Amino acid sequence: MDYKIEVAVIPVSDVDRAVHFYKALGWRFDAEFADDEGYRLVQLTPPGSPASIIFGTGVTNAAPGSTEGLHLVVDDVVAAREDLLGRGVRVSEIFHDKTGVFHHAGDEARVAGPAPDRSSYGSFATFSDPDGNGWVLQEVTTRLPGRV
């Protein structure tokens, strides 16, 4: 049995502002649904991703900006960071974790610069949407066995 992550729900305070932000990142606008009672759902997908995000009004009870640690896997974290900066997004400097494995929460244990050997899964940068939902760029150049 396969279990695939299809959608992540992002809590936002202003749906139109969020749509503008994610479309400015180059994400595909997939769908929008609304009813006469104030429910509104928007779905967008990052380039090359099989998974999407949804947000809207009446979609989640989570506080706007409370999501953190959503990972966007990229082939080249330096190029991805430059792309986001070019789109007007505030992005952290590139870092790796002092343990050499997955990063700690927050800013703890960050070491400036990419992983010393640019090892796959080891280099990161972070950014947030206008509500403060936190995203992590993670450089993956060679997948672990069994990963696609």
Protein backbone atom coordinates (compact mmCIF):
# COMPACT_ATOMS: atom_id res chain seq x y z
CA MET A 1 0.00 0.00 0.00
CA ASP A 2 1.43 3.39 -1.00
CA TYR A 3 0.77 6.43 1.20
CA LYS A 4 1.63 9.67 -0.56
CA ILE A 5 1.50 13.16 0.85
CA GLU A 6 -0.76 15.09 -1.51
CA VAL A 7 -1.61 18.34 0.25
CA ALA A 8 -0.33 20.48 3.11
CA VAL A 9 -2.75 22.94 4.72
CA ILE A 10 -1.29 26.39 5.34
CA PRO A 11 -3.13 28.74 7.73
CA VAL A 12 -3.25 32.31 6.38
CA SER A 13 -4.97 35.51 7.44
CA ASP A 14 -5.42 37.06 3.99
CA VAL A 15 -6.21 34.62 1.18
CA ASP A 16 -5.63 37.09 -1.67
CA ARG A 17 -2.25 38.17 -0.24
CA ALA A 18 -1.21 34.51 0.08
CA VAL A 19 -2.31 33.76 -3.49
CA HIS A 20 -0.23 36.70 -4.73
CA PHE A 21 2.82 35.59 -2.71
CA TYR A 22 2.81 31.97 -3.86
CA LYS A 23 2.03 32.86 -7.49
CA ALA A 24 4.97 35.30 -7.38
CA LEU A 25 7.15 32.32 -6.42
CA GLY A 26 6.13 30.72 -9.71
CA TRP A 27 3.78 28.20 -8.13
CA ARG A 28 0.94 26.87 -10.30
CA PHE A 29 -2.55 28.05 -9.38
CA ASP A 30 -4.54 24.81 -9.46
CA ALA A 31 -8.00 25.55 -8.18
CA GLU A 32 -10.28 27.74 -6.14
CA PHE A 33 -13.57 26.79 -4.55
CA ALA A 34 -15.96 29.00 -2.63
CA ASP A 35 -19.53 28.95 -1.39
CA ASP A 36 -22.08 31.57 -0.38
CA GLU A 37 -21.40 30.99 3.32
CA GLY A 38 -17.83 32.35 3.31
CA TYR A 39 -15.91 29.12 2.74
CA ARG A 40 -13.01 29.56 0.32
CA LEU A 41 -10.25 27.12 -0.62
CA VAL A 42 -7.27 27.79 -2.89
CA GLN A 43 -4.77 25.20 -4.10
CA LEU A 44 -1.29 25.88 -5.53
CA THR A 45 1.60 23.60 -6.43
CA PRO A 46 5.35 24.33 -6.39
CA PRO A 47 7.13 23.76 -9.71
CA GLY A 48 8.06 20.10 -10.14
CA SER A 49 6.20 18.96 -7.03
CA PRO A 50 3.60 16.20 -6.89
CA ALA A 51 2.25 17.73 -3.64
CA SER A 52 0.27 20.96 -3.27
CA ILE A 53 -0.68 23.43 -0.60
CA ILE A 54 -4.17 24.60 0.23
CA PHE A 55 -5.33 27.56 2.28
CA GLY A 56 -8.39 29.69 2.55
CA THR A 57 -11.25 30.72 4.78
CA GLY A 58 -12.80 27.97 6.86
CA VAL A 59 -10.11 25.49 5.77
CA THR A 60 -8.27 25.16 9.10
CA ASN A 61 -8.59 26.32 12.69
CA ALA A 62 -4.81 26.69 13.02
CA ALA A 63 -3.50 30.19 13.71
CA PRO A 64 -2.24 32.02 10.63
CA GLY A 65 1.52 31.65 10.35
CA SER A 66 1.73 28.69 12.73
CA THR A 67 3.04 26.15 10.22
CA GLU A 68 6.79 25.62 10.21
CA GLY A 69 9.31 23.23 8.76
CA LEU A 70 7.71 22.65 5.38
CA HIS A 71 10.53 21.43 3.15
CA LEU A 72 11.05 22.23 -0.49
CA VAL A 73 13.68 19.91 -1.94
CA VAL A 74 15.97 21.52 -4.51
CA ASP A 75 18.93 20.31 -6.58
CA ASP A 76 20.96 23.44 -5.84
CA VAL A 77 20.24 25.43 -2.68
CA VAL A 78 22.43 28.33 -3.84
CA ALA A 79 20.50 28.70 -7.11
CA ALA A 80 17.14 28.25 -5.36
CA ARG A 81 18.02 30.94 -2.82
CA GLU A 82 19.06 33.31 -5.61
CA ASP A 83 15.79 32.59 -7.46
CA LEU A 84 13.72 33.45 -4.39
CA LEU A 85 15.76 36.59 -3.69
CA GLY A 86 15.17 37.63 -7.30
CA ARG A 87 11.44 37.27 -6.67
CA GLY A 88 11.65 39.62 -3.69
CA VAL A 89 11.53 36.96 -0.96
CA ARG A 90 13.59 37.39 2.20
CA VAL A 91 15.64 34.20 2.49
CA SER A 92 18.12 33.21 5.20
CA GLU A 93 21.75 32.64 4.44
CA ILE A 94 22.60 29.07 3.50
CA PHE A 95 23.49 26.88 6.46
CA HIS A 96 24.16 23.34 7.58
CA ASP A 97 23.68 21.74 10.97
CA LYS A 98 26.62 21.26 13.34
CA THR A 99 25.68 17.57 13.62
CA GLY A 100 25.97 17.11 9.87
CA VAL A 101 22.45 15.71 9.69
CA PHE A 102 18.94 17.18 9.69
CA HIS A 103 18.72 20.70 11.07
CA HIS A 104 17.67 21.61 14.61
CA ALA A 105 14.53 23.63 15.35
CA GLY A 106 14.82 27.39 15.00
CA ASP A 107 18.31 28.82 14.59
CA GLU A 108 19.98 26.44 17.03
CA ALA A 109 23.10 24.60 15.82
CA ARG A 110 23.28 26.40 12.48
CA VAL A 111 26.67 26.68 10.86
CA ALA A 112 27.09 29.28 8.11
CA GLY A 113 27.45 28.01 4.58
CA PRO A 114 26.50 24.82 2.80
CA ALA A 115 27.53 21.42 4.15
CA PRO A 116 31.33 21.18 3.84
CA ASP A 117 31.23 18.46 1.20
CA ARG A 118 27.86 19.63 -0.21
CA SER A 119 26.53 16.27 0.94
CA SER A 120 23.01 15.48 -0.13
CA TYR A 121 20.35 16.44 2.45
CA GLY A 122 22.86 18.61 4.32
CA SER A 123 22.43 22.24 3.14
CA PHE A 124 19.49 24.50 3.94
CA ALA A 125 18.00 27.98 3.70
CA THR A 126 14.72 29.25 5.14
CA PHE A 127 12.00 31.74 4.27
CA SER A 128 8.48 32.59 5.40
CA ASP A 129 5.27 33.61 3.69
CA PRO A 130 3.62 36.93 4.64
CA ASP A 131 1.86 35.30 7.62
CA GLY A 132 5.06 33.71 8.92
CA ASN A 133 4.49 30.11 7.79
CA GLY A 134 8.02 28.73 7.64
CA TRP A 135 9.59 27.00 4.68
CA VAL A 136 12.95 25.22 4.42
CA LEU A 137 14.92 24.75 1.23
CA GLN A 138 16.87 21.48 1.45
CA GLU A 139 19.48 20.53 -1.11
CA VAL A 140 19.16 16.92 -2.25
CA THR A 141 21.53 15.82 -4.98
CA THR A 142 21.51 12.06 -4.44
CA ARG A 143 18.44 10.37 -3.00
CA LEU A 144 18.59 7.81 -0.24
CA PRO A 145 17.81 4.24 -1.39
CA GLY A 146 14.12 3.72 -2.05
CA ARG A 147 13.42 7.44 -2.57
CA VAL A 148 12.21 8.81 -5.90
